[in-house]
Amino acid sequence: MDENRENPESHETPDARPDEPDGRPALTLQLTVDCADPRRLVPFWAEALRYVPEPPPEGHASWRAYWAAIGVPEEELGDGAGDLPESLVDPAGVGPRVWFQQVPEPKTGKNRLHLDLKVGGGRAVPLAVRRARVDGEVARLTALGATVLYAMDEPDGMDYYAVVLQDPEGNEFCVV
């Protein structure tokens, strides 16, 4: 791990999954988004993903209090780290946890991994309906602070429509 990155949350979060029957350790998936300001991205992505900010473990007023209770040294925590939620969870318990990790370096290039927010319904839905669904979601997300980069619209025989956007810190994602 880059020693300039603060990472208290990634090494100690309460995961209550038992090991696999074959003895392998339990595996959970977490998406980690490097960012300059988690407090800016958490509200945006909570609305975009229809997730909720992850509450601190029971008995703790904040994530910072939880980390202190499990022995994370204060020098590993940045100013304000854990005072407000920096992670999101799917209220239905189906999707992965998303953690917004504050890092000192700025974003410098295109994402190598991005999220697709799939609202169109797939090819079983007529293209005009998919386009209207995608455009409606794009309008909702731009009102939250996203920026449209471009539409992927291939009229020459392609039955496809998507819009590429950026979140408030410039991370690309698609609405499909």
N, C-alpha and C. Protein backbone atom coordinates (compact mmCIF):
# COMPACT_ATOMS: atom_id res chain seq x y z
N MET A 1 0.84 -1.18 0.00
CA MET A 1 0.00 0.00 0.00
C MET A 1 0.88 1.24 0.00
N ASP A 2 0.46 2.25 -0.70
CA ASP A 2 1.16 3.52 -0.73
C ASP A 2 1.17 4.10 0.69
N GLU A 3 2.34 4.38 1.23
CA GLU A 3 2.43 4.84 2.61
C GLU A 3 1.82 6.22 2.83
N ASN A 4 1.53 6.96 1.75
CA ASN A 4 0.88 8.26 1.90
C ASN A 4 -0.63 8.15 2.08
N ARG A 5 -1.16 6.97 1.92
CA ARG A 5 -2.61 6.79 2.01
C ARG A 5 -3.01 6.42 3.42
N GLU A 6 -4.06 7.06 3.88
CA GLU A 6 -4.63 6.71 5.17
C GLU A 6 -5.62 5.60 4.92
N ASN A 7 -5.57 4.54 5.71
CA ASN A 7 -6.38 3.39 5.40
C ASN A 7 -6.90 2.68 6.64
N PRO A 8 -7.35 3.40 7.67
CA PRO A 8 -7.77 2.70 8.87
C PRO A 8 -8.99 1.83 8.64
N GLU A 9 -9.89 2.26 7.80
CA GLU A 9 -11.14 1.53 7.64
C GLU A 9 -10.95 0.23 6.87
N SER A 10 -9.98 0.17 5.97
CA SER A 10 -9.86 -1.03 5.16
C SER A 10 -9.32 -2.21 5.95
N HIS A 11 -8.60 -1.97 7.03
CA HIS A 11 -8.05 -3.12 7.74
C HIS A 11 -8.87 -3.57 8.94
N GLU A 12 -9.83 -2.82 9.35
CA GLU A 12 -10.65 -3.25 10.48
C GLU A 12 -12.08 -2.78 10.33
N THR A 13 -12.91 -3.58 9.71
CA THR A 13 -14.34 -3.33 9.69
C THR A 13 -15.02 -4.62 10.14
N PRO A 14 -16.14 -4.52 10.79
CA PRO A 14 -16.80 -5.72 11.27
C PRO A 14 -17.42 -6.50 10.12
N ASP A 15 -16.84 -7.64 9.80
CA ASP A 15 -17.40 -8.55 8.80
C ASP A 15 -17.81 -9.81 9.52
N ALA A 16 -19.07 -10.18 9.40
CA ALA A 16 -19.60 -11.30 10.17
C ALA A 16 -19.87 -12.52 9.32
N ARG A 17 -19.11 -12.72 8.27
CA ARG A 17 -19.32 -13.89 7.42
C ARG A 17 -18.46 -15.04 7.90
N PRO A 18 -19.03 -16.22 7.95
CA PRO A 18 -18.23 -17.39 8.35
C PRO A 18 -17.32 -17.82 7.21
N ASP A 19 -16.29 -18.58 7.55
CA ASP A 19 -15.41 -19.13 6.52
C ASP A 19 -16.18 -20.07 5.61
N GLU A 20 -15.62 -20.32 4.43
CA GLU A 20 -16.25 -21.22 3.46
C GLU A 20 -16.23 -22.64 4.02
N PRO A 21 -17.17 -23.51 3.57
CA PRO A 21 -17.20 -24.89 4.05
C PRO A 21 -15.91 -25.66 3.79
N ASP A 22 -15.18 -25.28 2.73
CA ASP A 22 -13.93 -25.98 2.41
C ASP A 22 -12.74 -25.43 3.21
N GLY A 23 -13.00 -24.51 4.15
CA GLY A 23 -11.94 -23.99 5.00
C GLY A 23 -11.31 -22.70 4.52
N ARG A 24 -11.64 -22.27 3.28
CA ARG A 24 -11.10 -21.01 2.80
C ARG A 24 -11.71 -19.87 3.61
N PRO A 25 -10.96 -18.78 3.80
CA PRO A 25 -11.53 -17.64 4.53
C PRO A 25 -12.68 -17.02 3.76
N ALA A 26 -13.61 -16.44 4.49
CA ALA A 26 -14.74 -15.75 3.87
C ALA A 26 -14.23 -14.61 3.01
N LEU A 27 -14.92 -14.35 1.93
CA LEU A 27 -14.56 -13.26 1.01
C LEU A 27 -15.73 -12.31 0.89
N THR A 28 -15.47 -11.04 1.11
CA THR A 28 -16.47 -10.02 0.85
C THR A 28 -15.87 -9.03 -0.14
N LEU A 29 -16.72 -8.37 -0.88
CA LEU A 29 -16.26 -7.42 -1.88
C LEU A 29 -16.52 -6.01 -1.39
N GLN A 30 -15.50 -5.18 -1.47
CA GLN A 30 -15.62 -3.76 -1.18
C GLN A 30 -15.02 -3.00 -2.35
N LEU A 31 -15.72 -1.99 -2.83
CA LEU A 31 -15.17 -1.09 -3.83
C LEU A 31 -14.56 0.08 -3.09
N THR A 32 -13.33 0.44 -3.43
CA THR A 32 -12.66 1.56 -2.79
C THR A 32 -12.41 2.64 -3.85
N VAL A 33 -12.84 3.84 -3.54
CA VAL A 33 -12.68 4.97 -4.45
C VAL A 33 -11.70 5.95 -3.81
N ASP A 34 -10.53 6.14 -4.45
CA ASP A 34 -9.61 7.16 -3.97
C ASP A 34 -10.20 8.53 -4.27
N CYS A 35 -10.08 9.43 -3.31
CA CYS A 35 -10.67 10.75 -3.50
C CYS A 35 -9.99 11.79 -2.63
N ALA A 36 -10.22 13.04 -2.95
CA ALA A 36 -9.68 14.14 -2.16
C ALA A 36 -10.55 14.42 -0.95
N ASP A 37 -11.88 14.26 -1.09
CA ASP A 37 -12.79 14.65 -0.02
C ASP A 37 -13.96 13.69 0.08
N PRO A 38 -13.86 12.67 0.95
CA PRO A 38 -14.98 11.73 1.11
C PRO A 38 -16.28 12.42 1.48
N ARG A 39 -16.21 13.51 2.23
CA ARG A 39 -17.43 14.19 2.67
C ARG A 39 -18.19 14.79 1.49
N ARG A 40 -17.50 15.00 0.39
CA ARG A 40 -18.14 15.52 -0.83
C ARG A 40 -18.74 14.38 -1.66
N LEU A 41 -18.05 13.24 -1.70
CA LEU A 41 -18.50 12.15 -2.56
C LEU A 41 -19.54 11.24 -1.91
N VAL A 42 -19.49 11.07 -0.60
CA VAL A 42 -20.45 10.17 0.05
C VAL A 42 -21.89 10.60 -0.22
N PRO A 43 -22.26 11.86 -0.04
CA PRO A 43 -23.66 12.24 -0.34
C PRO A 43 -24.03 12.04 -1.81
N PHE A 44 -23.11 12.37 -2.71
CA PHE A 44 -23.40 12.19 -4.13
C PHE A 44 -23.65 10.73 -4.46
N TRP A 45 -22.69 9.86 -4.07
CA TRP A 45 -22.81 8.45 -4.43
C TRP A 45 -23.92 7.74 -3.66
N ALA A 46 -24.24 8.19 -2.46
CA ALA A 46 -25.37 7.60 -1.74
C ALA A 46 -26.64 7.78 -2.58
N GLU A 47 -26.84 8.97 -3.11
CA GLU A 47 -28.00 9.23 -3.95
C GLU A 47 -27.89 8.51 -5.29
N ALA A 48 -26.70 8.54 -5.90
CA ALA A 48 -26.52 7.93 -7.22
C ALA A 48 -26.77 6.43 -7.17
N LEU A 49 -26.26 5.77 -6.14
CA LEU A 49 -26.38 4.31 -6.04
C LEU A 49 -27.61 3.84 -5.29
N ARG A 50 -28.32 4.81 -4.68
CA ARG A 50 -29.47 4.48 -3.82
C ARG A 50 -29.01 3.65 -2.63
N TYR A 51 -27.84 4.00 -2.14
CA TYR A 51 -27.25 3.39 -0.95
C TYR A 51 -27.46 4.33 0.23
N VAL A 52 -26.97 3.89 1.39
CA VAL A 52 -27.03 4.73 2.59
C VAL A 52 -25.63 4.81 3.20
N PRO A 53 -25.32 5.95 3.85
CA PRO A 53 -24.05 6.02 4.57
C PRO A 53 -24.02 4.91 5.63
N GLU A 54 -22.88 4.26 5.72
CA GLU A 54 -22.75 3.14 6.66
C GLU A 54 -22.63 3.65 8.09
N PRO A 55 -23.55 3.25 8.95
CA PRO A 55 -23.44 3.70 10.34
C PRO A 55 -22.26 3.01 11.03
N PRO A 56 -21.70 3.64 12.06
CA PRO A 56 -20.61 2.99 12.78
C PRO A 56 -21.12 1.74 13.50
N PRO A 57 -20.23 0.83 13.84
CA PRO A 57 -20.65 -0.37 14.55
C PRO A 57 -21.39 -0.01 15.85
N GLU A 58 -22.31 -0.88 16.22
CA GLU A 58 -23.13 -0.65 17.41
C GLU A 58 -22.25 -0.35 18.62
N GLY A 59 -22.71 0.63 19.40
CA GLY A 59 -21.99 1.02 20.60
C GLY A 59 -20.94 2.10 20.38
N HIS A 60 -20.82 2.58 19.15
CA HIS A 60 -19.81 3.60 18.82
C HIS A 60 -20.50 4.80 18.17
N ALA A 61 -20.17 5.99 18.63
CA ALA A 61 -20.79 7.21 18.11
C ALA A 61 -20.33 7.55 16.71
N SER A 62 -19.14 7.09 16.30
CA SER A 62 -18.60 7.39 14.97
C SER A 62 -17.63 6.28 14.59
N TRP A 63 -17.26 6.28 13.31
CA TRP A 63 -16.23 5.33 12.87
C TRP A 63 -14.91 5.64 13.58
N ARG A 64 -14.62 6.90 13.78
CA ARG A 64 -13.38 7.27 14.47
C ARG A 64 -13.36 6.67 15.87
N ALA A 65 -14.49 6.74 16.59
CA ALA A 65 -14.58 6.14 17.93
C ALA A 65 -14.39 4.63 17.85
N TYR A 66 -14.96 4.00 16.83
CA TYR A 66 -14.77 2.56 16.65
C TYR A 66 -13.30 2.23 16.42
N TRP A 67 -12.67 2.98 15.48
CA TRP A 67 -11.26 2.70 15.19
C TRP A 67 -10.39 2.89 16.44
N ALA A 68 -10.65 3.91 17.21
CA ALA A 68 -9.90 4.13 18.46
C ALA A 68 -10.11 2.96 19.40
N ALA A 69 -11.35 2.45 19.48
CA ALA A 69 -11.67 1.35 20.39
C ALA A 69 -10.95 0.06 20.02
N ILE A 70 -10.68 -0.13 18.71
CA ILE A 70 -9.98 -1.35 18.31
C ILE A 70 -8.48 -1.15 18.19
N GLY A 71 -8.00 0.04 18.56
CA GLY A 71 -6.57 0.27 18.65
C GLY A 71 -5.89 0.89 17.45
N VAL A 72 -6.65 1.47 16.52
CA VAL A 72 -6.01 2.16 15.40
C VAL A 72 -5.34 3.41 15.96
N PRO A 73 -4.02 3.54 15.78
CA PRO A 73 -3.32 4.71 16.33
C PRO A 73 -3.83 6.02 15.73
N GLU A 74 -3.92 7.03 16.54
CA GLU A 74 -4.41 8.35 16.13
C GLU A 74 -3.62 8.89 14.95
N GLU A 75 -2.30 8.62 14.89
CA GLU A 75 -1.48 9.14 13.79
C GLU A 75 -1.84 8.52 12.44
N GLU A 76 -2.57 7.40 12.43
CA GLU A 76 -3.02 6.81 11.18
C GLU A 76 -4.29 7.48 10.66
N LEU A 77 -4.93 8.26 11.49
CA LEU A 77 -6.19 8.90 11.10
C LEU A 77 -5.92 10.34 10.70
N GLY A 78 -6.46 10.76 9.61
CA GLY A 78 -6.32 12.15 9.19
C GLY A 78 -7.32 13.03 9.91
N ASP A 79 -7.18 14.31 9.70
CA ASP A 79 -8.13 15.26 10.29
C ASP A 79 -9.54 14.93 9.82
N GLY A 80 -10.41 14.71 10.74
CA GLY A 80 -11.82 14.46 10.44
C GLY A 80 -12.14 13.05 9.98
N ALA A 81 -11.12 12.19 9.80
CA ALA A 81 -11.37 10.82 9.34
C ALA A 81 -12.30 10.11 10.30
N GLY A 82 -13.38 9.57 9.76
CA GLY A 82 -14.31 8.79 10.56
C GLY A 82 -15.29 9.60 11.39
N ASP A 83 -15.18 10.93 11.36
CA ASP A 83 -16.15 11.73 12.10
C ASP A 83 -17.53 11.65 11.44
N LEU A 84 -17.54 11.59 10.12
CA LEU A 84 -18.75 11.36 9.34
C LEU A 84 -18.54 10.07 8.55
N PRO A 85 -19.61 9.38 8.16
CA PRO A 85 -19.43 8.15 7.38
C PRO A 85 -18.65 8.40 6.10
N GLU A 86 -17.73 7.49 5.80
CA GLU A 86 -16.93 7.57 4.59
C GLU A 86 -17.18 6.36 3.71
N SER A 87 -18.19 5.58 4.08
CA SER A 87 -18.54 4.39 3.32
C SER A 87 -20.05 4.31 3.15
N LEU A 88 -20.43 3.57 2.12
CA LEU A 88 -21.83 3.38 1.80
C LEU A 88 -22.15 1.90 1.77
N VAL A 89 -23.39 1.57 2.10
CA VAL A 89 -23.85 0.19 2.02
C VAL A 89 -25.20 0.14 1.32
N ASP A 90 -25.45 -0.96 0.69
CA ASP A 90 -26.72 -1.21 0.02
C ASP A 90 -27.75 -1.52 1.10
N PRO A 91 -28.83 -0.72 1.19
CA PRO A 91 -29.81 -0.98 2.24
C PRO A 91 -30.47 -2.35 2.12
N ALA A 92 -30.46 -2.93 0.91
CA ALA A 92 -31.02 -4.27 0.72
C ALA A 92 -30.01 -5.36 1.09
N GLY A 93 -28.75 -4.96 1.33
CA GLY A 93 -27.73 -5.94 1.71
C GLY A 93 -27.22 -6.78 0.57
N VAL A 94 -27.45 -6.35 -0.67
CA VAL A 94 -27.07 -7.15 -1.83
C VAL A 94 -25.76 -6.66 -2.46
N GLY A 95 -25.65 -5.36 -2.68
CA GLY A 95 -24.49 -4.80 -3.37
C GLY A 95 -23.29 -4.68 -2.45
N PRO A 96 -22.12 -4.43 -3.03
CA PRO A 96 -20.90 -4.31 -2.22
C PRO A 96 -20.86 -3.00 -1.44
N ARG A 97 -20.09 -3.02 -0.38
CA ARG A 97 -19.79 -1.81 0.39
C ARG A 97 -18.89 -0.93 -0.48
N VAL A 98 -19.05 0.38 -0.40
CA VAL A 98 -18.21 1.31 -1.15
C VAL A 98 -17.56 2.24 -0.13
N TRP A 99 -16.23 2.27 -0.14
CA TRP A 99 -15.48 3.12 0.79
C TRP A 99 -14.76 4.21 0.00
N PHE A 100 -14.86 5.44 0.47
CA PHE A 100 -14.20 6.59 -0.16
C PHE A 100 -12.97 6.92 0.66
N GLN A 101 -11.82 6.52 0.11
CA GLN A 101 -10.53 6.64 0.80
C GLN A 101 -9.86 7.96 0.43
N GLN A 102 -9.63 8.79 1.41
CA GLN A 102 -8.96 10.06 1.15
C GLN A 102 -7.49 9.81 0.85
N VAL A 103 -7.03 10.38 -0.25
CA VAL A 103 -5.63 10.26 -0.65
C VAL A 103 -5.09 11.65 -0.96
N PRO A 104 -3.78 11.83 -0.82
CA PRO A 104 -3.22 13.18 -1.03
C PRO A 104 -3.03 13.56 -2.49
N GLU A 105 -2.87 12.58 -3.38
CA GLU A 105 -2.59 12.90 -4.77
C GLU A 105 -3.88 13.13 -5.54
N PRO A 106 -3.86 14.03 -6.53
CA PRO A 106 -5.05 14.29 -7.33
C PRO A 106 -5.26 13.19 -8.37
N LYS A 107 -6.45 13.11 -8.91
CA LYS A 107 -6.74 12.21 -10.01
C LYS A 107 -6.00 12.76 -11.23
N THR A 108 -5.29 11.89 -11.94
CA THR A 108 -4.47 12.38 -13.05
C THR A 108 -4.84 11.80 -14.41
N GLY A 109 -5.65 10.77 -14.46
CA GLY A 109 -5.96 10.16 -15.75
C GLY A 109 -7.32 9.49 -15.73
N LYS A 110 -7.61 8.81 -16.81
CA LYS A 110 -8.87 8.10 -16.95
C LYS A 110 -8.91 6.92 -15.97
N ASN A 111 -10.11 6.67 -15.43
CA ASN A 111 -10.28 5.51 -14.57
C ASN A 111 -9.98 4.24 -15.35
N ARG A 112 -9.34 3.27 -14.73
CA ARG A 112 -9.16 1.96 -15.34
C ARG A 112 -10.34 1.04 -15.00
N LEU A 113 -11.09 1.40 -13.98
CA LEU A 113 -12.28 0.67 -13.56
C LEU A 113 -13.36 1.72 -13.34
N HIS A 114 -14.56 1.43 -13.79
CA HIS A 114 -15.63 2.40 -13.57
C HIS A 114 -16.93 1.66 -13.28
N LEU A 115 -17.90 2.38 -12.76
CA LEU A 115 -19.20 1.82 -12.47
C LEU A 115 -20.15 2.07 -13.64
N ASP A 116 -21.00 1.09 -13.93
CA ASP A 116 -22.10 1.25 -14.85
C ASP A 116 -23.38 1.22 -14.03
N LEU A 117 -24.14 2.29 -14.08
CA LEU A 117 -25.44 2.33 -13.43
C LEU A 117 -26.46 1.90 -14.48
N LYS A 118 -26.96 0.69 -14.33
CA LYS A 118 -27.82 0.08 -15.35
C LYS A 118 -29.29 0.34 -15.03
N VAL A 119 -29.88 1.26 -15.77
CA VAL A 119 -31.27 1.63 -15.55
C VAL A 119 -32.14 1.39 -16.79
N GLY A 120 -31.52 1.12 -17.93
CA GLY A 120 -32.25 1.02 -19.19
C GLY A 120 -33.14 -0.20 -19.31
N GLY A 121 -32.73 -1.31 -18.75
CA GLY A 121 -33.53 -2.53 -18.82
C GLY A 121 -33.03 -3.57 -19.80
N GLY A 122 -31.95 -3.29 -20.52
CA GLY A 122 -31.40 -4.29 -21.44
C GLY A 122 -32.10 -4.30 -22.78
N ARG A 123 -31.60 -5.12 -23.67
CA ARG A 123 -32.07 -5.13 -25.06
C ARG A 123 -33.49 -5.63 -25.23
N ALA A 124 -34.07 -6.23 -24.20
CA ALA A 124 -35.48 -6.65 -24.28
C ALA A 124 -36.41 -5.43 -24.25
N VAL A 125 -35.88 -4.30 -23.82
CA VAL A 125 -36.65 -3.05 -23.74
C VAL A 125 -36.36 -2.26 -25.02
N PRO A 126 -37.37 -1.70 -25.66
CA PRO A 126 -37.11 -0.91 -26.89
C PRO A 126 -36.11 0.22 -26.64
N LEU A 127 -35.30 0.48 -27.64
CA LEU A 127 -34.25 1.50 -27.54
C LEU A 127 -34.81 2.85 -27.10
N ALA A 128 -35.94 3.26 -27.60
CA ALA A 128 -36.51 4.57 -27.24
C ALA A 128 -36.85 4.61 -25.75
N VAL A 129 -37.30 3.51 -25.19
CA VAL A 129 -37.62 3.45 -23.76
C VAL A 129 -36.33 3.47 -22.95
N ARG A 130 -35.34 2.69 -23.39
CA ARG A 130 -34.03 2.68 -22.68
C ARG A 130 -33.43 4.08 -22.69
N ARG A 131 -33.48 4.74 -23.85
CA ARG A 131 -32.92 6.10 -23.98
C ARG A 131 -33.62 7.04 -23.00
N ALA A 132 -34.94 6.97 -22.90
CA ALA A 132 -35.69 7.84 -21.98
C ALA A 132 -35.31 7.54 -20.52
N ARG A 133 -35.15 6.26 -20.18
CA ARG A 133 -34.75 5.90 -18.82
C ARG A 133 -33.35 6.43 -18.50
N VAL A 134 -32.44 6.22 -19.43
CA VAL A 134 -31.06 6.69 -19.23
C VAL A 134 -31.04 8.21 -19.10
N ASP A 135 -31.71 8.89 -20.00
CA ASP A 135 -31.72 10.36 -19.95
C ASP A 135 -32.35 10.88 -18.66
N GLY A 136 -33.39 10.21 -18.19
CA GLY A 136 -34.00 10.60 -16.91
C GLY A 136 -33.04 10.45 -15.75
N GLU A 137 -32.28 9.35 -15.74
CA GLU A 137 -31.30 9.14 -14.67
C GLU A 137 -30.15 10.13 -14.78
N VAL A 138 -29.73 10.43 -16.00
CA VAL A 138 -28.67 11.42 -16.21
C VAL A 138 -29.13 12.78 -15.68
N ALA A 139 -30.35 13.16 -15.93
CA ALA A 139 -30.87 14.43 -15.41
C ALA A 139 -30.84 14.44 -13.89
N ARG A 140 -31.23 13.32 -13.26
CA ARG A 140 -31.20 13.24 -11.80
C ARG A 140 -29.77 13.38 -11.27
N LEU A 141 -28.83 12.72 -11.92
CA LEU A 141 -27.44 12.73 -11.46
C LEU A 141 -26.76 14.08 -11.70
N THR A 142 -27.06 14.74 -12.80
CA THR A 142 -26.47 16.06 -13.03
C THR A 142 -27.02 17.06 -12.01
N ALA A 143 -28.26 16.90 -11.61
CA ALA A 143 -28.82 17.77 -10.56
C ALA A 143 -28.11 17.56 -9.23
N LEU A 144 -27.52 16.37 -9.03
CA LEU A 144 -26.77 16.06 -7.81
C LEU A 144 -25.31 16.52 -7.88
N GLY A 145 -24.84 16.90 -9.08
CA GLY A 145 -23.47 17.38 -9.20
C GLY A 145 -22.62 16.65 -10.22
N ALA A 146 -23.17 15.66 -10.94
CA ALA A 146 -22.41 14.97 -11.98
C ALA A 146 -22.29 15.88 -13.20
N THR A 147 -21.32 15.57 -14.04
CA THR A 147 -21.10 16.29 -15.29
C THR A 147 -21.16 15.29 -16.44
N VAL A 148 -21.90 15.61 -17.48
CA VAL A 148 -21.96 14.75 -18.66
C VAL A 148 -20.70 14.95 -19.49
N LEU A 149 -20.06 13.85 -19.87
CA LEU A 149 -18.91 13.92 -20.77
C LEU A 149 -19.36 13.72 -22.21
N TYR A 150 -20.10 12.62 -22.48
CA TYR A 150 -20.61 12.36 -23.82
C TYR A 150 -21.58 11.20 -23.78
N ALA A 151 -22.38 11.12 -24.86
CA ALA A 151 -23.29 9.99 -25.03
C ALA A 151 -22.65 8.99 -25.99
N MET A 152 -22.87 7.73 -25.72
CA MET A 152 -22.45 6.66 -26.63
C MET A 152 -23.72 6.20 -27.35
N ASP A 153 -23.89 6.75 -28.54
CA ASP A 153 -25.11 6.53 -29.30
C ASP A 153 -24.70 6.12 -30.70
N GLU A 154 -24.88 4.86 -31.02
CA GLU A 154 -24.46 4.35 -32.31
C GLU A 154 -25.70 4.07 -33.17
N PRO A 155 -26.12 5.02 -33.99
CA PRO A 155 -27.36 4.83 -34.76
C PRO A 155 -27.23 3.84 -35.92
N ASP A 156 -26.02 3.54 -36.36
CA ASP A 156 -25.83 2.69 -37.55
C ASP A 156 -25.90 1.21 -37.19
N GLY A 157 -27.11 0.75 -36.86
CA GLY A 157 -27.29 -0.67 -36.61
C GLY A 157 -27.03 -1.11 -35.18
N MET A 158 -26.46 -0.25 -34.36
CA MET A 158 -26.18 -0.63 -32.97
C MET A 158 -27.41 -0.32 -32.13
N ASP A 159 -27.81 -1.26 -31.34
CA ASP A 159 -28.96 -1.09 -30.46
C ASP A 159 -28.44 -0.78 -29.06
N TYR A 160 -27.76 0.37 -28.94
CA TYR A 160 -27.06 0.68 -27.69
C TYR A 160 -27.13 2.17 -27.42
N TYR A 161 -27.31 2.50 -26.13
CA TYR A 161 -27.28 3.90 -25.72
C TYR A 161 -26.78 3.97 -24.29
N ALA A 162 -25.82 4.81 -24.05
CA ALA A 162 -25.28 5.04 -22.71
C ALA A 162 -24.74 6.45 -22.65
N VAL A 163 -24.61 6.98 -21.44
CA VAL A 163 -24.04 8.31 -21.25
C VAL A 163 -22.91 8.19 -20.25
N VAL A 164 -21.77 8.79 -20.59
CA VAL A 164 -20.60 8.80 -19.72
C VAL A 164 -20.61 10.11 -18.94
N LEU A 165 -20.45 10.00 -17.61
CA LEU A 165 -20.47 11.16 -16.74
C LEU A 165 -19.24 11.14 -15.85
N GLN A 166 -19.06 12.24 -15.11
CA GLN A 166 -18.06 12.32 -14.05
C GLN A 166 -18.76 12.70 -12.76
N ASP A 167 -18.27 12.12 -11.64
CA ASP A 167 -18.79 12.53 -10.33
C ASP A 167 -18.16 13.87 -9.96
N PRO A 168 -18.49 14.44 -8.81
CA PRO A 168 -17.96 15.77 -8.47
C PRO A 168 -16.43 15.87 -8.37
N GLU A 169 -15.72 14.74 -8.30
CA GLU A 169 -14.25 14.79 -8.30
C GLU A 169 -13.65 14.32 -9.62
N GLY A 170 -14.46 14.08 -10.63
CA GLY A 170 -13.94 13.73 -11.93
C GLY A 170 -13.83 12.24 -12.21
N ASN A 171 -14.36 11.37 -11.35
CA ASN A 171 -14.33 9.94 -11.61
C ASN A 171 -15.41 9.59 -12.62
N GLU A 172 -15.02 8.88 -13.70
CA GLU A 172 -15.96 8.55 -14.75
C GLU A 172 -16.86 7.39 -14.33
N PHE A 173 -18.10 7.44 -14.83
CA PHE A 173 -19.02 6.33 -14.70
C PHE A 173 -20.03 6.43 -15.83
N CYS A 174 -20.76 5.36 -16.06
CA CYS A 174 -21.73 5.32 -17.16
C CYS A 174 -23.13 5.07 -16.64
N VAL A 175 -24.09 5.64 -17.34
CA VAL A 175 -25.50 5.29 -17.14
C VAL A 175 -25.91 4.58 -18.42
N VAL A 176 -26.37 3.37 -18.25
CA VAL A 176 -26.68 2.47 -19.38
C VAL A 176 -28.15 2.08 -19.31
